[in-house]
Amino acid sequence: MGFLTRNQIIEMGFLHVGENTYLSDRASYYNCANIVIGDNVRIDDFCVISAGAGGIEIGNYIHIAVFCLLTGAGKITLDDFSGLSSRVSIYSSSDDYSGNSMTNPMVPKEYTNVYNAGISIGQHVIIGSGSILLPGVTLEQGVAIGALSLVSKNCKEFGIYSGVPSKRIKERKKHLLELEQQFFDKMNSAQPPNN
């Protein structure tokens, strides 16, 4: 896997890209001026990161695995320590499937009825392979989504959700919050004090 150089990233015109980022040169990035990427982020091959008017904001310590899709006019937010397994699709826009309007972006807007709504993925959320998120959903802190799930409703914190449509099947342990604190404590103790 090859990664973009810092100069290539700058030339692409991202709104912001932090330090220690690994952005695949085989992924596709659209509307980079609406994309914010934090520190310690890796985006793997064949992902499509396509920001609409609302933009895409990717926090710190995040991994987006191969073949993921983030697209739509609504804002998509991934908070710190979240992760997407391979082939996760996140849509902040959706056509009207009812038959009351026409569909697809090649049809003039006056004939379509696209629904746009932001998607928020909280800290420590992990989304399993092949899962789909539909517009308007919020996954609160610590949520885990099982593979091949369809998420069309909000998910409450520290729940494990799975299925089509996804349902809360059990609780997720919170030990990872203690590990996060240990991680930051170790990082802070390794930094030289300010004079």
Protein backbone atom coordinates (compact mmCIF):
# COMPACT_ATOMS: atom_id res chain seq x y z
CA MET A 1 0.00 0.00 0.00
CA GLY A 2 1.38 3.39 -1.02
CA PHE A 3 0.58 6.60 0.84
CA LEU A 4 0.40 10.18 -0.31
CA THR A 5 3.36 12.38 0.57
CA ARG A 6 2.85 15.49 2.67
CA ASN A 7 3.37 17.64 -0.43
CA GLN A 8 0.76 15.68 -2.37
CA ILE A 9 -1.71 16.10 0.49
CA ILE A 10 -1.09 19.85 0.58
CA GLU A 11 -1.55 20.13 -3.19
CA MET A 12 -4.93 18.38 -2.98
CA GLY A 13 -6.31 21.28 -0.95
CA PHE A 14 -7.77 19.58 2.12
CA LEU A 15 -9.29 21.99 4.64
CA HIS A 16 -6.96 20.47 7.24
CA VAL A 17 -4.80 17.36 7.60
CA GLY A 18 -3.00 16.66 10.88
CA GLU A 19 0.25 14.93 11.67
CA ASN A 20 1.15 11.24 11.30
CA THR A 21 -1.47 10.60 8.63
CA TYR A 22 -1.39 7.73 6.14
CA LEU A 23 -3.70 8.46 3.21
CA SER A 24 -3.64 5.80 0.51
CA ASP A 25 -2.70 6.94 -2.96
CA ARG A 26 -5.21 4.39 -4.26
CA ALA A 27 -8.17 5.92 -2.43
CA SER A 28 -10.29 8.66 -4.01
CA TYR A 29 -10.83 12.02 -2.32
CA TYR A 30 -13.46 14.44 -3.65
CA ASN A 31 -14.15 18.04 -2.60
CA CYS A 32 -11.05 18.06 -0.43
CA ALA A 33 -11.72 21.67 0.61
CA ASN A 34 -14.61 20.28 2.70
CA ILE A 35 -12.57 17.51 4.36
CA VAL A 36 -10.85 17.76 7.77
CA ILE A 37 -8.54 14.94 8.86
CA GLY A 38 -6.98 14.89 12.33
CA ASP A 39 -3.77 13.36 13.67
CA ASN A 40 -2.86 9.66 13.51
CA VAL A 41 -5.33 8.70 10.77
CA ARG A 42 -5.00 5.90 8.22
CA ILE A 43 -7.21 5.59 5.14
CA ASP A 44 -6.59 2.41 3.15
CA ASP A 45 -6.77 1.51 -0.54
CA PHE A 46 -9.91 1.89 -2.67
CA CYS A 47 -11.83 4.04 -0.19
CA VAL A 48 -13.99 6.85 -1.57
CA ILE A 49 -14.12 9.94 0.64
CA SER A 50 -16.56 12.30 -1.10
CA ALA A 51 -17.54 15.40 0.86
CA GLY A 52 -20.74 17.27 0.12
CA ALA A 53 -21.77 20.72 1.30
CA GLY A 54 -21.77 19.64 4.96
CA GLY A 55 -18.25 18.29 4.76
CA ILE A 56 -16.47 15.33 6.33
CA GLU A 57 -14.64 15.64 9.64
CA ILE A 58 -12.36 12.79 10.68
CA GLY A 59 -10.90 13.05 14.20
CA ASN A 60 -7.74 11.58 15.73
CA TYR A 61 -6.53 7.96 15.96
CA ILE A 62 -8.89 6.67 13.29
CA HIS A 63 -8.60 3.81 10.80
CA ILE A 64 -10.75 3.56 7.68
CA ALA A 65 -10.17 0.13 6.10
CA VAL A 66 -10.20 -0.87 2.43
CA PHE A 67 -13.22 -0.22 0.18
CA CYS A 68 -15.05 2.12 2.59
CA LEU A 69 -17.38 4.82 1.26
CA LEU A 70 -18.22 8.14 2.92
CA THR A 71 -20.52 10.26 0.78
CA GLY A 72 -23.44 12.68 0.78
CA ALA A 73 -24.43 16.31 1.22
CA GLY A 74 -24.95 16.09 5.00
CA LYS A 75 -22.01 16.42 7.38
CA ILE A 76 -20.23 13.16 8.29
CA THR A 77 -18.28 13.20 11.57
CA LEU A 78 -15.99 10.47 12.92
CA ASP A 79 -14.86 11.20 16.46
CA ASP A 80 -11.55 10.11 18.03
CA PHE A 81 -10.62 6.43 18.24
CA SER A 82 -13.44 5.33 15.93
CA GLY A 83 -12.89 2.84 13.14
CA LEU A 84 -14.50 1.47 10.01
CA SER A 85 -13.84 -2.10 8.92
CA SER A 86 -13.68 -2.96 5.22
CA ARG A 87 -16.60 -2.15 2.91
CA VAL A 88 -18.49 0.07 5.36
CA SER A 89 -20.74 2.53 3.51
CA ILE A 90 -21.84 5.80 5.10
CA TYR A 91 -24.52 7.80 3.28
CA SER A 92 -25.53 11.28 4.43
CA SER A 93 -27.84 11.58 1.38
CA SER A 94 -30.45 9.22 -0.02
CA ASP A 95 -32.88 9.26 -2.92
CA ASP A 96 -36.63 8.95 -2.31
CA TYR A 97 -37.44 5.31 -3.04
CA SER A 98 -41.23 5.72 -2.80
CA GLY A 99 -41.84 6.36 -6.49
CA ASN A 100 -43.11 9.90 -5.85
CA SER A 101 -39.99 11.35 -7.44
CA MET A 102 -37.27 10.45 -9.87
CA THR A 103 -33.87 9.27 -8.68
CA ASN A 104 -30.13 9.58 -9.36
CA PRO A 105 -27.87 12.62 -9.63
CA MET A 106 -28.16 12.86 -13.41
CA VAL A 107 -31.82 13.92 -13.11
CA PRO A 108 -32.47 17.66 -12.45
CA LYS A 109 -33.15 18.40 -8.77
CA GLU A 110 -36.68 19.64 -9.47
CA TYR A 111 -37.68 16.04 -10.27
CA THR A 112 -35.96 14.38 -7.31
CA ASN A 113 -36.50 14.42 -3.55
CA VAL A 114 -33.12 13.70 -1.99
CA TYR A 115 -32.99 13.42 1.81
CA ASN A 116 -29.82 14.89 3.34
CA ALA A 117 -28.96 14.54 7.02
CA GLY A 118 -25.71 14.47 8.95
CA ILE A 119 -24.16 11.36 10.45
CA SER A 120 -22.28 11.44 13.75
CA ILE A 121 -19.97 8.61 14.84
CA GLY A 122 -18.82 9.00 18.45
CA GLN A 123 -15.58 8.18 20.22
CA HIS A 124 -14.52 4.53 20.31
CA VAL A 125 -17.23 3.47 17.85
CA ILE A 126 -16.31 0.44 15.75
CA ILE A 127 -18.30 -0.53 12.67
CA GLY A 128 -18.05 -4.08 11.29
CA SER A 129 -17.36 -5.08 7.71
CA GLY A 130 -20.05 -4.54 5.11
CA SER A 131 -22.28 -2.41 7.33
CA ILE A 132 -24.33 0.49 6.00
CA LEU A 133 -25.26 3.74 7.77
CA LEU A 134 -28.20 5.76 6.42
CA PRO A 135 -28.64 9.55 6.65
CA GLY A 136 -29.35 11.15 10.00
CA VAL A 137 -28.03 8.48 12.37
CA THR A 138 -25.97 9.14 15.49
CA LEU A 139 -23.80 6.42 16.99
CA GLU A 140 -23.01 7.50 20.52
CA GLN A 141 -19.72 6.87 22.32
CA GLY A 142 -18.59 3.27 22.52
CA VAL A 143 -21.12 1.75 20.12
CA ALA A 144 -20.10 -1.40 18.24
CA ILE A 145 -21.89 -2.36 15.02
CA GLY A 146 -21.71 -6.01 13.94
CA ALA A 147 -20.72 -6.94 10.39
CA LEU A 148 -23.32 -6.69 7.61
CA SER A 149 -25.66 -4.50 9.67
CA LEU A 150 -28.01 -1.80 8.37
CA VAL A 151 -28.12 1.20 10.70
CA SER A 152 -31.14 3.42 10.12
CA LYS A 153 -31.76 4.63 13.70
CA ASN A 154 -29.65 6.19 16.44
CA CYS A 155 -27.58 3.88 18.62
CA LYS A 156 -27.16 4.61 22.34
CA GLU A 157 -23.75 4.58 24.02
CA PHE A 158 -21.85 1.40 24.76
CA GLY A 159 -24.29 -0.90 23.04
CA ILE A 160 -23.49 -3.67 20.58
CA TYR A 161 -25.87 -3.52 17.63
CA SER A 162 -26.32 -6.03 14.84
CA GLY A 163 -28.73 -7.07 12.10
CA VAL A 164 -30.94 -5.73 9.32
CA PRO A 165 -32.23 -3.43 10.61
CA SER A 166 -29.73 -3.18 13.45
CA LYS A 167 -30.90 -3.81 17.01
CA ARG A 168 -29.15 -3.58 20.36
CA ILE A 169 -28.17 -7.11 21.29
CA LYS A 170 -25.93 -6.59 24.34
CA GLU A 171 -23.84 -4.13 26.30
CA ARG A 172 -20.26 -3.24 25.41
CA LYS A 173 -17.61 -3.11 28.12
CA LYS A 174 -16.21 0.30 29.11
CA HIS A 175 -12.69 -0.85 29.98
CA LEU A 176 -11.45 0.87 26.83
CA LEU A 177 -11.99 4.24 28.58
CA GLU A 178 -9.44 3.25 31.23
CA LEU A 179 -7.04 2.21 28.48
CA GLU A 180 -7.54 5.57 26.76
CA GLN A 181 -6.60 7.36 29.99
CA GLN A 182 -3.51 5.17 30.41
CA PHE A 183 -2.58 5.89 26.79
CA PHE A 184 -2.77 9.66 27.28
CA ASP A 185 -1.03 9.51 30.67
CA LYS A 186 1.88 7.63 29.08
CA MET A 187 2.05 10.08 26.17
CA ASN A 188 2.01 13.09 28.50
CA SER A 189 4.71 11.64 30.74
CA ALA A 190 6.94 11.07 27.69
CA GLN A 191 6.75 14.73 26.62
CA PRO A 192 9.36 17.13 28.00
CA PRO A 193 7.95 19.74 30.43
CA ASN A 194 7.41 23.29 29.15
CA ASN A 195 9.91 25.87 30.40
